[in-house]
Protein backbone atom coordinates (compact mmCIF):
# COMPACT_ATOMS: atom_id res chain seq x y z
CA MET A 1 -3.73 -4.30 23.64
CA GLN A 2 -0.39 -6.64 23.66
CA PHE A 3 1.49 -8.53 20.46
CA ASP A 4 4.31 -10.37 20.40
CA LEU A 5 7.73 -9.18 18.42
CA VAL A 6 9.37 -11.89 16.40
CA LEU A 7 13.39 -11.48 15.28
CA LEU A 8 14.72 -14.65 13.35
CA SER A 9 18.38 -14.63 11.88
CA LEU A 10 20.20 -16.82 9.76
CA GLY A 11 23.66 -16.37 11.53
CA GLY A 12 27.43 -16.58 9.93
CA VAL A 13 25.80 -15.58 6.31
CA GLN A 14 29.18 -13.67 5.49
CA ARG A 15 31.60 -16.15 6.49
CA PHE A 16 29.58 -19.05 4.24
CA ILE A 17 29.35 -16.72 1.72
CA GLY A 18 33.25 -15.86 1.94
CA GLU A 19 34.47 -19.17 2.65
CA SER A 20 34.50 -19.85 -1.05
CA ARG A 21 36.72 -21.04 -3.76
CA THR A 22 34.64 -20.09 -6.98
CA THR A 23 32.33 -17.87 -7.97
CA ALA A 24 30.21 -20.63 -7.99
CA ASP A 25 30.68 -21.22 -4.11
CA VAL A 26 29.82 -17.32 -3.82
CA ALA A 27 26.43 -17.91 -6.00
CA GLY A 28 25.62 -21.13 -4.16
CA ALA A 29 26.19 -19.37 -0.66
CA SER A 30 24.12 -16.65 -1.48
CA GLY A 31 21.20 -18.75 -3.18
CA ILE A 32 20.47 -21.31 0.06
CA VAL A 33 20.64 -18.22 2.62
CA GLN A 34 18.05 -16.97 0.07
CA GLU A 35 16.05 -19.50 0.13
CA LEU A 36 15.91 -20.38 3.45
CA ALA A 37 14.91 -16.97 4.19
CA ARG A 38 12.07 -17.09 1.91
CA LEU A 39 10.83 -20.26 3.07
CA ALA A 40 10.78 -18.83 6.63
CA ALA A 41 8.85 -15.56 5.65
CA ALA A 42 6.69 -17.60 3.42
CA ALA A 43 6.06 -20.04 6.84
CA VAL A 44 5.31 -16.56 8.90
CA GLN A 45 2.71 -15.58 5.96
CA GLN A 46 0.66 -18.82 5.64
CA ARG A 47 0.57 -19.43 10.12
CA LEU A 48 -0.66 -15.71 10.39
CA ALA A 49 -2.97 -15.38 7.12
CA GLY A 50 -6.24 -14.19 8.45
CA SER A 51 -4.43 -12.44 11.46
CA PRO A 52 -6.18 -9.19 12.63
CA ALA A 53 -3.70 -5.69 11.90
CA PRO A 54 -1.16 -5.03 12.69
CA CYS A 55 -0.11 -8.88 12.99
CA GLY A 56 2.01 -9.75 9.98
CA LEU A 57 5.19 -9.33 8.79
CA ILE A 58 7.19 -6.39 8.80
CA PHE A 59 10.66 -7.61 7.03
CA PRO A 60 10.39 -8.82 4.12
CA ALA A 61 7.06 -7.01 2.86
CA THR A 62 6.30 -10.01 1.44
CA ALA A 63 7.48 -13.75 0.83
CA ASP A 64 7.52 -13.09 -2.21
CA ALA A 65 9.46 -9.79 -2.38
CA SER A 66 12.24 -10.22 -5.39
CA SER A 67 15.18 -10.44 -2.47
CA VAL A 68 14.77 -11.67 0.84
CA THR A 69 17.56 -11.13 3.17
CA ASN A 70 18.98 -13.60 6.54
CA ARG A 71 16.69 -11.64 8.84
CA ILE A 72 13.26 -12.00 9.28
CA ALA A 73 10.83 -9.84 11.47
CA PHE A 74 7.06 -10.27 12.30
CA LEU A 75 4.11 -9.59 14.37
CA ALA A 76 1.81 -11.53 16.04
CA ALA A 77 -0.73 -12.03 18.93
CA ALA A 78 0.54 -11.93 22.08
CA GLY A 79 1.39 -15.37 23.34
CA THR A 80 1.96 -16.92 19.72
CA GLY A 81 4.60 -15.53 18.52
CA PRO A 82 6.66 -18.16 20.04
CA THR A 83 5.03 -20.99 18.42
CA VAL A 84 5.27 -19.65 15.04
CA ALA A 85 8.84 -18.96 15.20
CA ARG A 86 9.36 -22.89 16.33
CA ALA A 87 7.56 -23.65 13.42
CA VAL A 88 9.43 -21.60 11.11
CA ALA A 89 12.47 -22.86 12.68
CA ARG A 90 11.40 -26.26 11.90
CA GLU A 91 10.55 -25.06 7.80
CA ILE A 92 14.16 -24.05 7.97
CA ASN A 93 15.81 -27.02 9.34
CA GLN A 94 13.75 -28.96 6.78
CA GLY A 95 14.27 -27.05 4.23
CA TRP A 96 18.31 -27.54 4.59
CA GLN A 97 18.19 -31.09 4.91
CA THR A 98 16.03 -31.12 1.90
CA GLN A 99 19.29 -29.33 0.05
CA LEU A 100 21.36 -31.92 1.46
CA LYS A 101 19.71 -35.00 0.78
CA ARG A 102 19.52 -33.27 -2.72
CA THR A 103 23.35 -32.96 -2.96
CA PHE A 104 24.48 -36.34 -1.71
CA LYS A 105 20.69 -38.38 -3.02
CA THR A 106 20.55 -40.23 0.29
CA ASP A 107 17.83 -39.56 3.38
CA GLN A 108 21.09 -40.21 5.58
CA PRO A 109 23.26 -37.55 4.40
CA PRO A 110 26.33 -36.50 6.45
CA ASP A 111 26.14 -33.87 9.65
CA THR A 112 26.53 -30.28 9.20
CA PRO A 113 27.99 -28.55 12.36
CA GLY A 114 26.96 -25.62 13.06
CA THR A 115 24.65 -24.67 9.75
CA PRO A 116 21.58 -23.34 9.36
CA ASP A 117 22.89 -21.20 12.60
CA LEU A 118 19.93 -20.34 13.56
CA ALA A 119 18.72 -17.46 15.97
CA TRP A 120 14.80 -16.31 17.30
CA VAL A 121 13.50 -13.81 20.07
CA SER A 122 10.10 -13.09 20.75
CA VAL A 123 9.01 -10.07 23.22
CA THR A 124 5.66 -9.13 24.35
CA GLY A 125 4.45 -5.40 24.98
CA PRO A 126 2.26 -3.19 22.89
CA ALA A 127 2.90 -1.91 19.34
CA ALA A 128 0.46 1.79 19.35
CA ASP A 129 2.40 4.74 18.99
CA GLY A 130 6.02 5.33 20.80
CA ALA A 131 5.36 2.09 22.54
CA TYR A 132 6.51 0.33 19.37
CA GLY A 133 10.07 1.67 19.60
CA VAL A 134 10.38 0.29 23.10
CA LEU A 135 9.13 -2.96 21.57
CA TRP A 136 11.53 -2.80 18.86
CA GLU A 137 14.74 -1.66 21.07
CA ALA A 138 14.29 -4.79 23.60
CA ALA A 139 14.03 -7.14 20.68
CA GLN A 140 16.90 -6.06 19.04
CA ARG A 141 18.70 -6.00 22.58
CA ASP A 142 17.24 -9.67 23.68
CA MET A 143 18.81 -10.93 20.12
CA VAL A 144 22.36 -10.05 20.85
CA GLY A 145 22.20 -11.44 23.89
CA ARG A 146 20.69 -14.46 21.88
CA ARG A 147 23.56 -14.47 19.67
CA ARG A 148 26.34 -14.27 22.77
CA ALA A 149 24.84 -16.75 24.63
CA ARG A 150 25.72 -19.23 22.02
CA THR A 151 24.30 -22.97 22.10
CA PHE A 152 25.56 -25.77 20.80
CA GLU A 153 24.56 -29.10 20.24
CA PRO A 154 27.04 -31.70 21.17
CA VAL A 155 29.02 -32.97 17.24
CA GLU A 156 31.07 -35.96 17.28
CA ILE A 157 33.79 -35.18 14.73
CA PRO A 158 35.78 -38.21 13.31
CA PRO A 159 39.05 -38.32 12.90
CA GLY A 160 40.34 -37.26 9.48
CA ARG A 161 40.57 -34.39 6.84
CA LEU A 162 39.15 -30.95 7.63
CA CYS A 163 37.67 -28.81 4.85
CA THR A 164 39.74 -26.73 3.14
CA GLN A 165 37.39 -24.22 2.96
CA SER A 166 35.88 -24.07 6.10
CA PRO A 167 38.50 -24.97 8.76
CA GLY A 168 37.48 -26.96 11.49
CA LEU A 169 34.89 -28.88 10.03
CA PRO A 170 35.01 -32.10 8.54
CA ALA A 171 35.70 -33.52 5.37
CA ALA A 172 32.37 -35.31 3.89
CA THR A 173 32.85 -37.71 1.46
CA ALA A 174 31.96 -36.17 -1.98
CA PRO A 175 28.82 -36.74 -3.19
CA GLY A 176 28.41 -38.83 -7.21
CA GLY A 177 29.31 -36.80 -10.25
CA ALA A 178 31.99 -34.56 -8.86
CA LEU A 179 34.95 -33.96 -10.63
CA PRO A 180 38.64 -35.06 -9.48
CA HIS A 181 40.12 -31.83 -8.78
CA GLU A 182 36.70 -30.99 -6.69
CA ARG A 183 37.28 -33.88 -4.84
CA ASP A 184 40.78 -32.42 -3.82
CA GLU A 185 39.80 -30.07 -2.69
CA ALA A 186 37.81 -32.07 0.92
CA LEU A 187 34.89 -29.76 1.22
CA SER A 188 32.80 -30.01 4.37
CA ALA A 189 28.98 -31.33 3.74
CA ALA A 190 27.67 -27.95 3.58
CA GLY A 191 30.80 -26.90 1.20
CA TRP A 192 29.50 -29.61 -1.01
CA VAL A 193 25.86 -28.03 -0.32
CA LYS A 194 26.72 -24.65 -1.72
CA ARG A 195 28.76 -25.71 -4.71
CA ARG A 196 26.06 -28.04 -6.24
CA ALA A 197 23.99 -25.11 -5.58
CA GLY A 198 25.60 -22.29 -7.41
CA ASN A 199 27.56 -25.07 -9.95
CA GLN A 200 24.61 -24.10 -12.93
CA ARG A 201 27.60 -22.39 -15.20
CA PHE A 202 27.68 -19.85 -13.05
CA PRO A 203 31.09 -17.95 -14.93
CA SER A 204 34.43 -17.98 -13.40
CA THR A 205 36.49 -14.72 -12.17
CA VAL A 206 38.97 -15.36 -15.52
CA SER A 207 35.25 -15.64 -17.64
CA ILE A 208 34.03 -12.24 -15.87
CA ALA A 209 37.51 -10.84 -16.31
CA SER A 210 37.82 -11.15 -20.51
CA SER A 211 34.30 -10.60 -20.75
CA ALA A 212 34.49 -6.80 -21.59
CA PHE A 213 37.26 -7.79 -24.18
CA ARG A 214 34.95 -10.30 -25.70
CA ARG A 215 32.37 -7.78 -26.12
CA ARG A 216 34.43 -5.64 -27.61
CA LEU A 217 35.72 -7.72 -30.20
CA LEU A 218 31.87 -9.69 -30.95
CA GLU A 219 30.86 -6.00 -32.07
CA ARG A 220 33.89 -5.33 -33.91
CA ALA A 221 33.11 -8.89 -35.84
CA ASP A 222 29.29 -7.95 -36.00
CA ALA A 223 30.37 -4.94 -37.95
CA GLU A 224 33.43 -5.75 -39.66
CA PRO A 225 32.15 -9.26 -41.92
CA ASP A 226 36.43 -9.54 -42.48
CA ILE A 227 37.30 -9.71 -38.68
CA ALA A 228 34.58 -12.16 -38.48
CA ALA A 229 35.77 -14.22 -41.08
CA THR A 230 39.19 -14.40 -39.65
CA LEU A 231 38.03 -15.02 -36.05
CA ARG A 232 36.65 -18.15 -36.79
CA GLY A 233 39.05 -20.28 -37.60
CA PRO A 234 40.84 -19.42 -34.12
CA VAL A 235 37.64 -20.10 -32.43
CA GLY A 236 36.99 -23.14 -33.87
CA GLU A 237 39.82 -24.52 -32.65
CA LEU A 238 40.02 -23.24 -29.25
CA ASN A 239 36.06 -24.80 -29.01
CA THR A 240 37.33 -28.43 -30.00
CA ALA A 241 40.53 -27.97 -27.78
CA LEU A 242 37.89 -27.46 -24.85
CA ASP A 243 35.97 -30.76 -26.29
CA ARG A 244 39.31 -32.86 -26.56
CA LEU A 245 39.56 -32.20 -22.47
CA HIS A 246 36.34 -32.56 -21.24
CA LEU A 247 36.14 -29.08 -19.77
CA ASP A 248 33.64 -27.88 -17.42
CA THR A 249 32.72 -25.19 -19.13
CA ASP A 250 31.17 -21.32 -18.00
CA ARG A 251 27.68 -20.06 -18.48
CA SER A 252 27.56 -17.28 -21.71
CA THR A 253 28.02 -14.00 -19.50
CA LEU A 254 27.30 -11.84 -22.79
CA TRP A 255 23.80 -12.32 -23.71
CA ASP A 256 23.43 -8.53 -25.13
CA VAL A 257 25.60 -8.80 -27.98
CA PRO A 258 25.03 -9.58 -31.59
CA THR A 259 27.33 -12.31 -32.17
CA PRO A 260 28.30 -13.55 -35.76
CA VAL A 261 27.71 -17.28 -37.06
CA GLY A 262 30.43 -19.29 -36.19
CA LEU A 263 31.77 -16.57 -32.99
CA GLU A 264 28.84 -18.02 -30.74
CA HIS A 265 31.36 -19.81 -28.28
CA LEU A 266 33.27 -16.81 -28.31
CA ALA A 267 30.31 -15.11 -26.24
CA GLY A 268 30.15 -18.23 -23.80
CA ARG A 269 32.05 -21.08 -22.87
CA LEU A 270 35.65 -19.94 -24.51
CA GLY A 271 35.26 -16.80 -21.56
CA ALA A 272 38.32 -18.26 -19.96
CA TRP A 273 39.89 -19.57 -22.63
CA VAL A 274 41.41 -17.02 -24.73
CA THR A 275 44.14 -16.31 -24.31
CA PRO A 276 47.51 -18.32 -24.47
CA GLU A 277 48.21 -17.94 -20.96
CA ARG A 278 45.99 -19.95 -19.94
CA TRP A 279 46.44 -22.86 -21.78
CA ASP A 280 49.43 -23.77 -19.48
CA GLY A 281 49.50 -28.07 -19.43
CA GLU A 282 50.27 -27.87 -15.38
CA ALA A 283 48.00 -25.59 -14.68
CA ILE A 284 45.13 -27.35 -16.51
CA ALA A 285 45.47 -30.29 -14.44
CA ARG A 286 45.99 -28.57 -10.99
CA GLU A 287 42.79 -26.07 -11.62
CA CYS A 288 40.75 -28.80 -13.57
CA GLY A 289 42.11 -32.68 -12.81
CA THR A 290 42.04 -33.20 -16.61
CA VAL A 291 45.78 -34.08 -18.09
CA PRO A 292 45.81 -32.38 -21.32
CA ASP A 293 47.97 -34.19 -23.94
CA GLU A 294 50.65 -31.98 -24.75
CA TRP A 295 49.57 -31.81 -28.78
CA THR A 296 46.22 -30.43 -27.71
CA VAL A 297 47.70 -27.72 -25.38
CA ARG A 298 49.91 -26.19 -28.40
CA ASP A 299 47.30 -26.30 -31.18
CA ALA A 300 45.46 -24.62 -28.62
CA ARG A 301 48.03 -22.27 -27.73
CA LYS A 302 48.69 -21.53 -31.31
CA ALA A 303 45.14 -20.56 -31.83
CA ALA A 304 44.82 -18.15 -29.09
CA ARG A 305 47.92 -16.75 -30.48
CA ALA A 306 46.44 -16.41 -33.35
CA LEU A 307 43.01 -14.70 -32.11
CA ALA A 308 45.51 -12.24 -29.96
CA ALA A 309 46.81 -11.33 -33.10
CA VAL A 310 43.23 -10.30 -34.62
CA THR A 311 42.74 -8.18 -32.53
CA ARG A 312 45.93 -6.88 -32.37
CA ASN A 313 45.53 -5.98 -36.05
CA ALA A 314 42.08 -4.57 -35.23
CA GLY A 315 43.30 -2.45 -32.54
CA ILE A 316 41.17 -4.27 -29.95
CA PRO A 317 43.33 -3.55 -26.52
CA ALA A 318 44.32 -7.19 -25.06
CA PRO A 319 41.82 -9.04 -22.24
CA SER A 320 42.32 -7.70 -18.28
CA SER A 321 43.96 -10.06 -16.40
CA TYR A 322 41.70 -8.51 -13.42
CA PHE A 323 37.71 -8.49 -11.90
CA ALA A 324 36.11 -6.74 -9.46
CA VAL A 325 34.33 -7.32 -6.69
CA VAL A 326 31.57 -4.80 -5.72
CA VAL A 327 29.85 -4.16 -2.64
CA GLN A 328 27.30 -1.67 -0.95
CA ASP A 329 25.56 -1.42 1.96
CA LEU A 330 23.59 0.68 3.76
CA ASP A 331 24.42 3.31 6.56
CA ARG A 332 23.13 3.32 10.15
CA LEU A 333 19.93 1.44 8.84
CA GLY A 334 19.31 -0.78 12.07
CA GLN A 335 19.77 2.65 13.83
CA ALA A 336 17.19 4.07 11.62
CA LEU A 337 14.61 1.56 12.03
CA GLY A 338 14.92 1.91 16.00
CA ARG A 339 13.72 5.42 15.29
CA LEU A 340 10.69 4.25 13.05
CA ASP A 341 7.22 3.28 14.31
CA LEU A 342 5.73 -0.19 13.11
CA ASP A 343 3.68 2.09 9.78
CA ARG A 344 6.98 3.28 8.75
CA GLN A 345 9.25 0.33 9.15
CA ARG A 346 6.48 -1.53 6.99
CA ASN A 347 7.05 1.44 4.71
CA VAL A 348 10.74 1.01 4.53
CA SER A 349 10.66 -2.77 4.08
CA GLN A 350 8.40 -1.92 1.08
CA GLN A 351 10.88 0.63 -0.52
CA LEU A 352 14.09 -1.62 0.02
CA SER A 353 12.11 -4.29 -1.78
CA ALA A 354 11.62 -2.16 -4.62
CA LEU A 355 15.24 -0.75 -4.80
CA ALA A 356 16.33 -4.70 -4.91
CA MET A 357 13.78 -5.14 -7.85
CA ARG A 358 15.86 -1.72 -9.08
CA GLN A 359 19.00 -3.35 -8.45
CA THR A 360 18.70 -6.71 -10.18
CA GLU A 361 16.79 -4.52 -13.22
CA LEU A 362 19.87 -2.57 -13.79
CA LEU A 363 22.17 -5.01 -14.01
CA SER A 364 20.15 -6.52 -16.62
CA LYS A 365 19.82 -3.47 -18.56
CA GLN A 366 23.14 -1.48 -18.28
CA HIS A 367 25.30 -3.29 -16.84
CA PRO A 368 24.97 -6.77 -18.39
CA LEU A 369 28.61 -7.99 -17.98
CA ALA A 370 28.10 -7.45 -14.30
CA VAL A 371 27.04 -11.18 -12.26
CA LEU A 372 25.23 -10.24 -9.69
CA VAL A 373 25.48 -12.29 -6.73
CA TYR A 374 22.57 -10.71 -4.14
CA ALA A 375 20.84 -7.47 -4.33
CA GLY A 376 18.91 -6.97 -1.31
CA GLY A 377 18.06 -3.22 -0.88
CA ASP A 378 20.09 -3.23 2.22
CA ASP A 379 23.17 -4.76 0.82
CA PHE A 380 24.43 -5.87 -2.20
CA LEU A 381 26.79 -7.89 -3.97
CA ALA A 382 28.15 -8.61 -7.94
CA PHE A 383 31.17 -9.37 -9.95
CA CYS A 384 31.95 -7.15 -12.73
CA PRO A 385 34.82 -6.90 -15.53
CA ALA A 386 37.49 -4.36 -14.27
CA ALA A 387 36.31 -1.77 -16.79
CA GLU A 388 32.60 -1.92 -15.54
CA ALA A 389 33.80 -1.84 -11.83
CA LEU A 390 33.49 2.24 -11.19
CA ARG A 391 30.19 2.51 -13.78
CA LEU A 392 28.54 -0.34 -11.80
CA ALA A 393 29.41 1.20 -8.31
CA ALA A 394 28.13 4.71 -9.45
CA SER A 395 24.78 3.12 -10.70
CA ILE A 396 23.64 1.65 -7.37
CA ARG A 397 24.82 4.32 -5.13
CA GLN A 398 22.76 6.59 -7.22
CA GLN A 399 20.14 4.30 -7.22
CA VAL A 400 20.00 4.52 -3.69
CA ARG A 401 20.11 8.55 -3.69
CA ALA A 402 17.03 8.77 -5.79
CA ALA A 403 15.18 6.12 -3.33
CA ALA A 404 16.77 8.78 -0.43
CA THR A 405 15.05 11.70 -2.52
CA THR A 406 11.17 10.34 -2.78
CA THR A 407 8.42 10.68 0.00
CA GLY A 408 9.41 7.63 1.52
CA PRO A 409 10.91 6.90 5.29
CA LEU A 410 14.42 6.75 3.44
CA ALA A 411 14.03 10.08 2.60
CA THR A 412 14.87 11.17 6.36
CA ALA A 413 15.64 7.48 8.26
CA GLY A 414 19.37 9.58 8.21
CA PRO A 415 20.80 11.31 11.26
CA ASP A 416 19.13 14.10 11.97
CA GLY A 417 16.01 13.39 10.19
CA ALA A 418 18.39 13.30 6.75
CA ALA A 419 18.23 11.05 4.18
CA ILE A 420 19.74 7.34 4.26
CA THR A 421 23.02 7.19 2.97
CA ALA A 422 25.14 3.88 1.75
CA SER A 423 28.87 3.09 1.36
CA THR A 424 30.47 1.03 -1.29
CA ALA A 425 33.81 -0.59 -2.16
CA VAL A 426 35.37 -1.95 -5.00
CA VAL A 427 37.99 -3.93 -4.97
CA PHE A 428 40.44 -5.31 -8.26
CA ALA A 429 41.71 -8.46 -8.23
CA HIS A 430 43.96 -10.81 -10.79
CA MET A 431 42.16 -13.54 -11.86
CA SER A 432 44.69 -15.80 -10.33
CA ASN A 433 44.33 -14.69 -6.76
CA PRO A 434 42.46 -16.99 -4.28
CA LEU A 435 38.96 -15.88 -3.88
CA GLN A 436 39.06 -16.18 -0.77
CA ASP A 437 41.28 -12.75 -0.69
CA ALA A 438 39.10 -10.92 -2.48
CA LEU A 439 35.89 -11.40 -0.53
CA ARG A 440 37.70 -10.58 2.39
CA SER A 441 39.06 -7.73 1.20
CA ALA A 442 35.84 -6.82 -0.21
CA ARG A 443 34.42 -7.03 3.75
CA GLU A 444 37.63 -4.76 4.64
CA ALA A 445 36.85 -2.16 2.11
CA ILE A 446 33.38 -1.68 3.29
CA ALA A 447 34.35 -1.55 6.82
CA ASP A 448 36.80 1.05 5.78
CA ALA A 449 34.24 3.34 3.98
CA LYS A 450 31.68 2.94 6.90
CA SER A 451 35.01 3.66 9.30
CA SER A 452 36.29 6.46 7.50
CA THR A 453 35.50 10.32 8.38
CA SER A 454 35.55 13.29 6.28
CA ALA A 455 37.06 16.74 7.32
CA SER A 456 33.64 17.70 8.50
CA GLY A 457 33.21 14.75 11.04
CA ARG A 458 30.47 13.11 8.78
CA SER A 459 31.27 9.28 8.57
CA ARG A 460 30.45 7.10 6.11
CA ASP A 461 28.85 7.48 2.82
CA ALA A 462 31.94 6.70 1.37
CA LEU A 463 33.39 4.73 -1.69
CA ALA A 464 36.51 2.67 -0.73
CA VAL A 465 38.78 1.38 -3.85
CA LEU A 466 41.41 -1.52 -3.30
CA VAL A 467 43.74 -3.02 -6.02
CA ARG A 468 45.13 -5.61 -5.51
CA ARG A 469 48.04 -6.36 -7.59
CA ARG A 470 49.24 -10.21 -8.60
CA GLY A 471 51.33 -9.43 -5.66
CA GLY A 472 49.53 -8.48 -3.24
CA GLU A 473 47.90 -4.86 -2.60
CA ARG A 474 49.45 -1.80 -4.16
CA ALA A 475 46.84 1.10 -3.81
CA ARG A 476 43.53 1.54 -1.53
CA THR A 477 41.84 4.82 -1.34
CA VAL A 478 38.63 5.70 0.63
CA LEU A 479 36.72 8.76 -0.70
CA PRO A 480 33.36 10.56 0.58
CA TRP A 481 31.14 9.46 -2.60
CA TRP A 482 30.50 13.41 -3.43
CA PRO A 483 33.92 15.60 -2.37
CA PRO A 484 33.31 18.66 -1.59
CA GLY A 485 35.66 21.85 -4.17
CA THR A 486 33.68 20.31 -7.17
CA GLU A 487 32.39 23.33 -9.31
CA ASP A 488 29.87 20.14 -11.22
CA GLY A 489 29.19 18.26 -8.25
CA ALA A 490 30.93 15.52 -9.67
CA SER A 491 31.32 12.28 -7.43
CA ALA A 492 34.42 10.35 -6.89
CA THR A 493 34.38 7.58 -9.34
CA GLU A 494 33.75 10.76 -11.81
CA LEU A 495 37.05 11.93 -10.52
CA LEU A 496 39.10 9.41 -10.39
CA THR A 497 38.24 8.93 -13.87
CA ARG A 498 39.56 12.37 -15.30
CA ILE A 499 42.80 11.51 -13.78
CA ARG A 500 42.61 8.70 -15.67
CA PRO A 501 44.33 9.50 -19.20
CA GLY A 502 42.00 8.63 -22.00
CA PRO A 503 43.17 6.78 -25.13
CA GLN A 504 45.13 9.75 -26.90
CA ALA A 505 46.62 10.39 -23.51
CA GLY A 506 48.47 7.30 -23.14
CA VAL A 507 49.10 5.73 -19.56
CA LEU A 508 50.34 7.78 -16.62
CA SER A 509 53.89 7.55 -15.88
CA ALA A 510 55.11 5.31 -13.35
CA VAL A 511 56.93 7.75 -11.85
CA LEU A 512 54.21 9.72 -10.49
CA GLY A 513 53.37 8.00 -7.63
CA SER A 514 56.79 7.70 -6.16
CA ASP A 515 57.46 11.47 -7.14
CA LEU A 516 54.52 12.57 -5.43
CA GLU A 517 55.44 10.40 -2.41
CA ARG A 518 58.86 11.94 -2.58
CA ASP A 519 57.24 15.59 -2.81
CA GLU A 520 54.49 14.82 0.02
CA ALA A 521 56.34 16.72 3.13
CA MET A 522 56.09 19.93 0.68
CA LEU A 523 52.88 19.26 -0.68
CA ARG A 524 51.37 19.24 2.85
CA GLU A 525 53.32 22.74 3.51
CA LEU A 526 51.05 24.27 0.52
CA VAL A 527 47.80 23.34 1.76
CA ASP A 528 47.31 27.10 3.06
CA ASP A 529 47.85 27.86 -0.23
CA PRO A 530 44.94 26.47 -2.46
CA ALA A 531 45.74 27.55 -5.84
CA LEU A 532 49.35 27.43 -5.53
CA LEU A 533 48.88 23.32 -4.25
CA ARG A 534 46.06 22.60 -6.94
CA ALA A 535 49.18 24.16 -9.41
CA GLU A 536 51.73 22.05 -8.17
CA LEU A 537 50.04 19.08 -8.51
CA VAL A 538 48.36 19.91 -11.92
CA ARG A 539 51.77 20.59 -13.23
CA LEU A 540 53.43 17.11 -11.69
CA VAL A 541 50.33 15.12 -13.47
CA GLN A 542 50.93 16.74 -16.83
CA ARG A 543 54.61 16.12 -16.40
CA HIS A 544 53.67 12.74 -15.86
CA GLY A 545 51.89 12.24 -18.98
CA GLY A 546 48.43 13.57 -17.70
CA THR A 547 46.35 17.00 -17.89
CA SER A 548 45.59 19.90 -16.52
CA GLU A 549 42.06 18.49 -15.56
CA ALA A 550 43.31 15.70 -14.22
CA GLY A 551 45.63 17.24 -11.83
CA LYS A 552 42.46 19.23 -10.41
CA ALA A 553 40.89 16.44 -10.35
CA LEU A 554 43.78 14.61 -7.79
CA TYR A 555 44.32 17.65 -5.73
CA ILE A 556 40.41 17.38 -4.96
CA LEU A 557 40.26 13.56 -4.08
CA GLY A 558 44.08 13.99 -2.45
CA ARG A 559 42.42 16.82 -0.04
CA ALA A 560 38.95 14.50 0.15
CA GLU A 561 41.19 11.02 1.09
CA ARG A 562 39.50 10.13 4.48
CA ALA A 563 42.89 9.41 5.63
CA VAL A 564 43.99 12.80 6.31
CA ALA A 565 40.00 14.28 6.97
CA GLY A 566 41.03 17.30 4.43
CA SER A 567 43.66 18.57 7.11
CA GLY A 568 46.25 17.91 4.80
CA ILE A 569 46.58 16.28 1.66
CA ALA A 570 47.25 12.79 0.36
CA PRO A 571 47.08 12.56 -3.55
CA VAL A 572 49.06 9.18 -3.91
CA PRO A 573 46.26 6.68 -3.19
CA ALA A 574 44.25 8.47 -6.12
CA ALA A 575 47.33 8.70 -8.26
CA LEU A 576 48.08 4.97 -7.62
CA VAL A 577 44.29 3.94 -8.25
CA ALA A 578 44.20 6.07 -11.56
CA ARG A 579 47.16 4.49 -13.07
CA PHE A 580 45.89 1.12 -12.23
CA LEU A 581 42.55 1.94 -14.15
CA SER A 582 44.51 3.41 -17.32
CA GLN A 583 46.33 -0.43 -17.10
CA GLU A 584 44.07 -2.76 -16.53
CA ALA A 585 40.41 -1.46 -16.20
CA ARG A 586 40.16 -2.38 -20.24
């Protein structure tokens, strides 16, 4: 019996998300893509309702799945696939037009060349037994060809300003309600849609960076009424300053923290304004479009200094200036799907939907300071404070490991029938650096993790950690998730944490990295004598303020560094990352 296998995808998603100035843009872009994908899945489900098996959705499992990716796959009776696909395409375009009209409050919104970037293919053939694999491969091949043979509708772009986020697109007139500094950004029509879609008090990178500090401060204030009493004055003055300037404020990211009376704004709208450095008149005018009077700025800076004095006296570390982007992507999922029959593909689809739900629950229950952008099961993106990043990366990787050890198809979907794996990237970025740079670095880091190879020849299943200091990149390491040589099977994140000194051990000396670089040739000469090499690394680490356990962890990571693939040793990357963690992941 013949069927139509239809693949439908929304292209340019990573570019649409990556071309973002603010976290609100990122959230808006992700939300729009998911909404359009849900519309598509619902349209397929509606039009194929009542069709005999095996017709129906393949990816996602259902239209109301917790997360829907930008790719849709379904099976229809022979000859009906193109008709359904065209109807779905109309639903997507109508959904996008609804977003445009809502944003610009007009029935004739501006054009959005290239958005949405929709493509679909339909192939016909039998779907039973081994024939389905042939059908799937043909559809994948046709989709690649469809994407390469791009078709464009002619669009006349009048002369004028170009979008500052999306090069090559014209800037659109700002919709009503846009703030002065937003109008100066000169966004395209699509850029305005994602800005409005995500501008629901989505926390800024500055607020995310300070959230770990604010949680510690509120927990201490809740436990010690004297600290709460001394904080109320500075917190109230900072809140008054924001009222005077009519500044837009962040949505609270501290839902799970008990908050004493009078300190509620410390959990919410003051997220980006708790340090004296933030109260700079020129910076506020440039970033917020509000020119503050010098008295308000002076009073606010004084209040921020008072808040800093309270925290210093309480022994609470100052807020970090860094946030993190955490990305995860399943390895070789496309190849795995090509080896599965229809029933097992649908089982994978259900497993991915369940994994996406667990990822979302994980953040709300175990990582409430993290801010989720999307969790699709096969891919994941979130922002979090620097102190939470490695722990979050380990948690989401562990979820994949747990899902792949069940009896479902993910347990055998990897190469040679092994369990499916995932690669992860963590990018630490300074809160003052452009967000586009951090997102671009995250894409590059996940690509590094996927292209790296271990000493055994195994690729992917890696963790890439990248540190972007305020002046640029300062450290990069790519490691297997479970480096060989550990007695307890510790993960790469656990080993990096072991190198980082605890509160009593102080901070690793800044000279350690340069000493390791200086002695790199000598260390390579000791590769054939592992015991002596490890002893020498332990000696160097202890000399610079670390422990013997830190030295042993550095030895394991240096041998596992994907840049040397086990043939040598490269301890410098892990040491530099560990030093950053000891300085800024607080």
